[in-house]
Amino acid sequence: MNKIVLAVAALATFGFAATAEAKQDPAERAAWSQTIRNEHLAPVAAPVFEGRNATVVSPTVPNDYIDRSVQQDNRSTK
């Protein structure tokens, strides 16, 4: 009995999945394909180095909050 219930549940699951696949919108499928293509063609970022001796590249954009924090740290350690 349990095997029959399990088999019916499995077939129902596969049937619902096939129905959902058949009802996909072509525009939605095209948009999904474009997203996948863009993810694979994205520019390669610089490698990430981890560990104690890794160098840190500071951002090129000035950040006032960070600058003030560094100045305050410098004043407090003197």
N, C-alpha and C. Protein backbone atom coordinates (compact mmCIF):
# COMPACT_ATOMS: atom_id res chain seq x y z
N MET A 1 0.82 -1.19 0.00
CA MET A 1 0.00 0.00 0.00
C MET A 1 0.86 1.26 0.00
N ASN A 2 1.90 1.27 0.84
CA ASN A 2 2.77 2.43 0.92
C ASN A 2 3.50 2.67 -0.40
N LYS A 3 3.88 1.57 -1.05
CA LYS A 3 4.58 1.71 -2.33
C LYS A 3 3.67 2.31 -3.38
N ILE A 4 2.41 1.96 -3.35
CA ILE A 4 1.45 2.50 -4.33
C ILE A 4 1.25 3.99 -4.08
N VAL A 5 1.12 4.39 -2.83
CA VAL A 5 0.94 5.81 -2.49
C VAL A 5 2.18 6.60 -2.90
N LEU A 6 3.35 6.04 -2.65
CA LEU A 6 4.59 6.71 -3.02
C LEU A 6 4.71 6.85 -4.54
N ALA A 7 4.34 5.80 -5.26
CA ALA A 7 4.39 5.85 -6.72
C ALA A 7 3.41 6.88 -7.28
N VAL A 8 2.21 6.94 -6.73
CA VAL A 8 1.22 7.92 -7.18
C VAL A 8 1.69 9.34 -6.88
N ALA A 9 2.29 9.55 -5.71
CA ALA A 9 2.80 10.88 -5.36
C ALA A 9 3.93 11.29 -6.29
N ALA A 10 4.81 10.34 -6.61
CA ALA A 10 5.92 10.65 -7.52
C ALA A 10 5.40 10.99 -8.91
N LEU A 11 4.47 10.21 -9.42
CA LEU A 11 3.91 10.49 -10.74
C LEU A 11 3.17 11.83 -10.76
N ALA A 12 2.46 12.15 -9.70
CA ALA A 12 1.76 13.43 -9.63
C ALA A 12 2.76 14.58 -9.63
N THR A 13 3.85 14.41 -8.90
CA THR A 13 4.88 15.45 -8.86
C THR A 13 5.47 15.66 -10.25
N PHE A 14 5.81 14.59 -10.94
CA PHE A 14 6.35 14.72 -12.28
C PHE A 14 5.33 15.33 -13.23
N GLY A 15 4.08 14.98 -13.06
CA GLY A 15 3.03 15.55 -13.91
C GLY A 15 2.88 17.04 -13.70
N PHE A 16 2.89 17.48 -12.44
CA PHE A 16 2.79 18.91 -12.16
C PHE A 16 4.00 19.66 -12.69
N ALA A 17 5.18 19.07 -12.60
CA ALA A 17 6.38 19.72 -13.12
C ALA A 17 6.32 19.85 -14.64
N ALA A 18 5.83 18.82 -15.31
CA ALA A 18 5.71 18.87 -16.77
C ALA A 18 4.68 19.91 -17.19
N THR A 19 3.60 20.03 -16.45
CA THR A 19 2.57 21.03 -16.75
C THR A 19 3.13 22.44 -16.59
N ALA A 20 3.89 22.65 -15.53
CA ALA A 20 4.48 23.96 -15.29
C ALA A 20 5.49 24.29 -16.39
N GLU A 21 6.25 23.31 -16.83
CA GLU A 21 7.23 23.52 -17.90
C GLU A 21 6.52 23.87 -19.20
N ALA A 22 5.40 23.23 -19.48
CA ALA A 22 4.68 23.45 -20.72
C ALA A 22 4.02 24.83 -20.76
N LYS A 23 3.67 25.37 -19.60
CA LYS A 23 2.97 26.64 -19.55
C LYS A 23 3.90 27.85 -19.44
N GLN A 24 5.19 27.65 -19.62
CA GLN A 24 6.12 28.78 -19.53
C GLN A 24 5.89 29.76 -20.66
N ASP A 25 6.00 31.02 -20.33
CA ASP A 25 5.84 32.09 -21.30
C ASP A 25 7.11 32.19 -22.15
N PRO A 26 7.01 32.26 -23.49
CA PRO A 26 8.21 32.36 -24.32
C PRO A 26 9.04 33.61 -24.01
N ALA A 27 8.39 34.73 -23.68
CA ALA A 27 9.14 35.93 -23.34
C ALA A 27 9.92 35.74 -22.04
N GLU A 28 9.30 35.04 -21.09
CA GLU A 28 9.98 34.77 -19.82
C GLU A 28 11.17 33.85 -20.04
N ARG A 29 11.00 32.86 -20.90
CA ARG A 29 12.11 31.95 -21.20
C ARG A 29 13.25 32.69 -21.88
N ALA A 30 12.93 33.62 -22.81
CA ALA A 30 13.97 34.41 -23.49
C ALA A 30 14.70 35.31 -22.50
N ALA A 31 13.97 35.92 -21.58
CA ALA A 31 14.60 36.78 -20.58
C ALA A 31 15.52 35.97 -19.67
N TRP A 32 15.09 34.77 -19.31
CA TRP A 32 15.92 33.90 -18.48
C TRP A 32 17.20 33.52 -19.22
N SER A 33 17.07 33.19 -20.50
CA SER A 33 18.24 32.82 -21.29
C SER A 33 19.22 33.98 -21.40
N GLN A 34 18.69 35.20 -21.57
CA GLN A 34 19.55 36.38 -21.66
C GLN A 34 20.28 36.60 -20.33
N THR A 35 19.59 36.38 -19.23
CA THR A 35 20.23 36.55 -17.92
C THR A 35 21.36 35.55 -17.75
N ILE A 36 21.13 34.32 -18.15
CA ILE A 36 22.17 33.31 -18.03
C ILE A 36 23.36 33.66 -18.91
N ARG A 37 23.10 34.12 -20.13
CA ARG A 37 24.18 34.50 -21.03
C ARG A 37 24.99 35.66 -20.45
N ASN A 38 24.32 36.64 -19.86
CA ASN A 38 25.02 37.79 -19.29
C ASN A 38 25.86 37.39 -18.09
N GLU A 39 25.40 36.43 -17.32
CA GLU A 39 26.19 36.00 -16.18
C GLU A 39 27.48 35.33 -16.61
N HIS A 40 27.46 34.62 -17.71
CA HIS A 40 28.65 33.93 -18.17
C HIS A 40 29.59 34.86 -18.91
N LEU A 41 29.08 35.96 -19.44
CA LEU A 41 29.92 36.88 -20.19
C LEU A 41 30.35 38.09 -19.37
N ALA A 42 30.10 38.06 -18.08
CA ALA A 42 30.47 39.18 -17.22
C ALA A 42 31.99 39.30 -17.18
N PRO A 43 32.49 40.54 -17.05
CA PRO A 43 33.95 40.70 -17.00
C PRO A 43 34.53 40.01 -15.77
N VAL A 44 35.71 39.50 -15.94
CA VAL A 44 36.36 38.77 -14.86
C VAL A 44 36.92 39.77 -13.87
N ALA A 45 36.57 39.63 -12.62
CA ALA A 45 37.05 40.53 -11.58
C ALA A 45 38.46 40.13 -11.16
N ALA A 46 39.11 41.03 -10.48
CA ALA A 46 40.45 40.74 -9.98
C ALA A 46 40.35 39.60 -8.96
N PRO A 47 41.35 38.76 -8.92
CA PRO A 47 41.30 37.65 -7.97
C PRO A 47 41.33 38.15 -6.53
N VAL A 48 40.69 37.40 -5.66
CA VAL A 48 40.65 37.76 -4.25
C VAL A 48 41.78 37.01 -3.54
N PHE A 49 42.59 37.76 -2.83
CA PHE A 49 43.68 37.17 -2.07
C PHE A 49 43.31 37.20 -0.60
N GLU A 50 43.46 36.08 0.05
CA GLU A 50 43.13 36.00 1.46
C GLU A 50 44.36 35.59 2.24
N GLY A 51 44.37 35.96 3.48
CA GLY A 51 45.47 35.55 4.35
C GLY A 51 46.11 36.72 5.04
N ARG A 52 47.12 36.45 5.84
CA ARG A 52 47.77 37.49 6.63
C ARG A 52 48.50 38.50 5.78
N ASN A 53 49.15 38.05 4.74
CA ASN A 53 50.02 38.93 3.97
C ASN A 53 49.36 39.47 2.70
N ALA A 54 48.06 39.41 2.65
CA ALA A 54 47.35 39.90 1.47
C ALA A 54 47.41 41.43 1.45
N THR A 55 47.61 41.96 0.28
CA THR A 55 47.64 43.42 0.15
C THR A 55 46.22 43.94 0.02
N VAL A 56 46.00 45.13 0.49
CA VAL A 56 44.68 45.74 0.45
C VAL A 56 44.73 46.89 -0.53
N VAL A 57 43.82 46.88 -1.47
CA VAL A 57 43.72 47.97 -2.43
C VAL A 57 42.64 48.91 -1.93
N SER A 58 43.04 50.14 -1.64
CA SER A 58 42.07 51.10 -1.12
C SER A 58 41.22 51.64 -2.27
N PRO A 59 40.00 52.01 -1.99
CA PRO A 59 39.14 52.54 -3.05
C PRO A 59 39.66 53.88 -3.56
N THR A 60 39.44 54.14 -4.83
CA THR A 60 39.93 55.38 -5.42
C THR A 60 38.99 56.54 -5.16
N VAL A 61 37.76 56.25 -4.76
CA VAL A 61 36.79 57.31 -4.49
C VAL A 61 36.97 57.77 -3.05
N PRO A 62 37.15 59.07 -2.81
CA PRO A 62 37.33 59.52 -1.43
C PRO A 62 36.04 59.35 -0.62
N ASN A 63 36.22 58.98 0.62
CA ASN A 63 35.08 58.78 1.49
C ASN A 63 35.30 59.65 2.72
N ASP A 64 34.46 60.65 2.91
CA ASP A 64 34.63 61.61 4.00
C ASP A 64 34.53 60.93 5.36
N TYR A 65 33.62 60.01 5.51
CA TYR A 65 33.45 59.34 6.79
C TYR A 65 34.72 58.59 7.17
N ILE A 66 35.30 57.88 6.23
CA ILE A 66 36.52 57.13 6.52
C ILE A 66 37.66 58.08 6.82
N ASP A 67 37.76 59.17 6.05
CA ASP A 67 38.83 60.14 6.29
C ASP A 67 38.74 60.72 7.70
N ARG A 68 37.52 61.10 8.12
CA ARG A 68 37.35 61.65 9.47
C ARG A 68 37.67 60.61 10.52
N SER A 69 37.29 59.37 10.28
CA SER A 69 37.56 58.31 11.23
C SER A 69 39.07 58.08 11.37
N VAL A 70 39.79 58.09 10.27
CA VAL A 70 41.24 57.92 10.31
C VAL A 70 41.89 59.07 11.04
N GLN A 71 41.44 60.30 10.77
CA GLN A 71 42.00 61.47 11.45
C GLN A 71 41.74 61.39 12.97
N GLN A 72 40.54 60.96 13.35
CA GLN A 72 40.21 60.84 14.77
C GLN A 72 41.08 59.75 15.42
N ASP A 73 41.31 58.66 14.72
CA ASP A 73 42.16 57.60 15.26
C ASP A 73 43.59 58.11 15.43
N ASN A 74 44.06 58.88 14.45
CA ASN A 74 45.41 59.43 14.55
C ASN A 74 45.53 60.37 15.74
N ARG A 75 44.48 61.18 15.98
CA ARG A 75 44.53 62.11 17.11
C ARG A 75 44.49 61.36 18.44
N SER A 76 43.73 60.29 18.49
CA SER A 76 43.58 59.57 19.76
C SER A 76 44.79 58.73 20.11
N THR A 77 45.61 58.36 19.12
CA THR A 77 46.77 57.53 19.41
C THR A 77 48.02 58.36 19.69
N LYS A 78 47.96 59.67 19.49
CA LYS A 78 49.14 60.51 19.74
C LYS A 78 49.23 60.93 21.17
